[in-house]
């Protein structure tokens, strides 16, 4: 496991298996990890809320 980047927190989430599979497929198509994909989804969502 890599070291966390500065100013970040580790968060654990539980996802339904089908949602995890969808995120994994999308992450693979973008060349990123599941964690990276979830991070992107959350950050994009928060940007639209501004």
C-alpha atoms as a PDB file:
ATOM      1  CA  UNK A   1       0.000   0.000   0.000  1.00  0.00           C
ATOM      2  CA  UNK A   2       1.365   3.431  -0.895  1.00  0.00           C
ATOM      3  CA  UNK A   3       1.821   6.217   1.623  1.00  0.00           C
ATOM      4  CA  UNK A   4      -1.106   8.659   1.833  1.00  0.00           C
ATOM      5  CA  UNK A   5      -0.477  12.032   0.259  1.00  0.00           C
ATOM      6  CA  UNK A   6      -0.166  15.094   2.498  1.00  0.00           C
ATOM      7  CA  UNK A   7      -3.465  16.648   3.607  1.00  0.00           C
ATOM      8  CA  UNK A   8      -5.509  13.537   2.865  1.00  0.00           C
ATOM      9  CA  UNK A   9      -7.574  11.166   4.990  1.00  0.00           C
ATOM     10  CA  UNK A  10      -8.239   7.469   4.566  1.00  0.00           C
ATOM     11  CA  UNK A  11     -11.937   6.578   4.334  1.00  0.00           C
ATOM     12  CA  UNK A  12     -13.473   3.116   4.122  1.00  0.00           C
ATOM     13  CA  UNK A  13     -16.777   2.645   2.331  1.00  0.00           C
ATOM     14  CA  UNK A  14     -18.954  -0.398   1.791  1.00  0.00           C
ATOM     15  CA  UNK A  15     -20.497  -0.700  -1.663  1.00  0.00           C
ATOM     16  CA  UNK A  16     -22.928  -3.189  -3.100  1.00  0.00           C
ATOM     17  CA  UNK A  17     -21.068  -5.716  -5.241  1.00  0.00           C
ATOM     18  CA  UNK A  18     -22.731  -4.541  -8.461  1.00  0.00           C
ATOM     19  CA  UNK A  19     -21.712  -0.910  -7.831  1.00  0.00           C
ATOM     20  CA  UNK A  20     -18.138  -1.973  -7.099  1.00  0.00           C
ATOM     21  CA  UNK A  21     -18.047  -3.922 -10.367  1.00  0.00           C
ATOM     22  CA  UNK A  22     -19.317  -0.905 -12.328  1.00  0.00           C
ATOM     23  CA  UNK A  23     -16.731   1.388 -10.755  1.00  0.00           C
ATOM     24  CA  UNK A  24     -13.973  -1.167 -11.365  1.00  0.00           C
ATOM     25  CA  UNK A  25     -14.865  -1.452 -15.060  1.00  0.00           C
ATOM     26  CA  UNK A  26     -14.935   2.343 -15.436  1.00  0.00           C
ATOM     27  CA  UNK A  27     -11.645   2.704 -13.564  1.00  0.00           C
ATOM     28  CA  UNK A  28      -9.958   0.113 -15.778  1.00  0.00           C
ATOM     29  CA  UNK A  29     -11.217   1.861 -18.908  1.00  0.00           C
ATOM     30  CA  UNK A  30      -9.658   5.110 -17.656  1.00  0.00           C
ATOM     31  CA  UNK A  31      -6.429   3.483 -16.525  1.00  0.00           C
ATOM     32  CA  UNK A  32      -6.902   4.242 -12.832  1.00  0.00           C
ATOM     33  CA  UNK A  33      -7.649   2.359  -9.626  1.00  0.00           C
ATOM     34  CA  UNK A  34     -11.018   1.890  -7.957  1.00  0.00           C
ATOM     35  CA  UNK A  35      -9.853   4.300  -5.235  1.00  0.00           C
ATOM     36  CA  UNK A  36      -8.817   6.834  -7.835  1.00  0.00           C
ATOM     37  CA  UNK A  37     -12.147   6.484  -9.637  1.00  0.00           C
ATOM     38  CA  UNK A  38     -14.144   6.963  -6.435  1.00  0.00           C
ATOM     39  CA  UNK A  39     -12.022  10.017  -5.595  1.00  0.00           C
ATOM     40  CA  UNK A  40     -12.696  11.489  -9.073  1.00  0.00           C
ATOM     41  CA  UNK A  41     -16.442  10.831  -8.783  1.00  0.00           C
ATOM     42  CA  UNK A  42     -16.637  12.549  -5.393  1.00  0.00           C
ATOM     43  CA  UNK A  43     -14.513  15.544  -6.421  1.00  0.00           C
ATOM     44  CA  UNK A  44     -16.505  16.047  -9.641  1.00  0.00           C
ATOM     45  CA  UNK A  45     -19.756  15.820  -7.694  1.00  0.00           C
ATOM     46  CA  UNK A  46     -18.587  18.403  -5.171  1.00  0.00           C
ATOM     47  CA  UNK A  47     -17.486  20.761  -7.969  1.00  0.00           C
ATOM     48  CA  UNK A  48     -21.006  20.684  -9.451  1.00  0.00           C
ATOM     49  CA  UNK A  49     -22.473  21.611  -6.051  1.00  0.00           C
ATOM     50  CA  UNK A  50     -20.668  24.985  -6.015  1.00  0.00           C
END
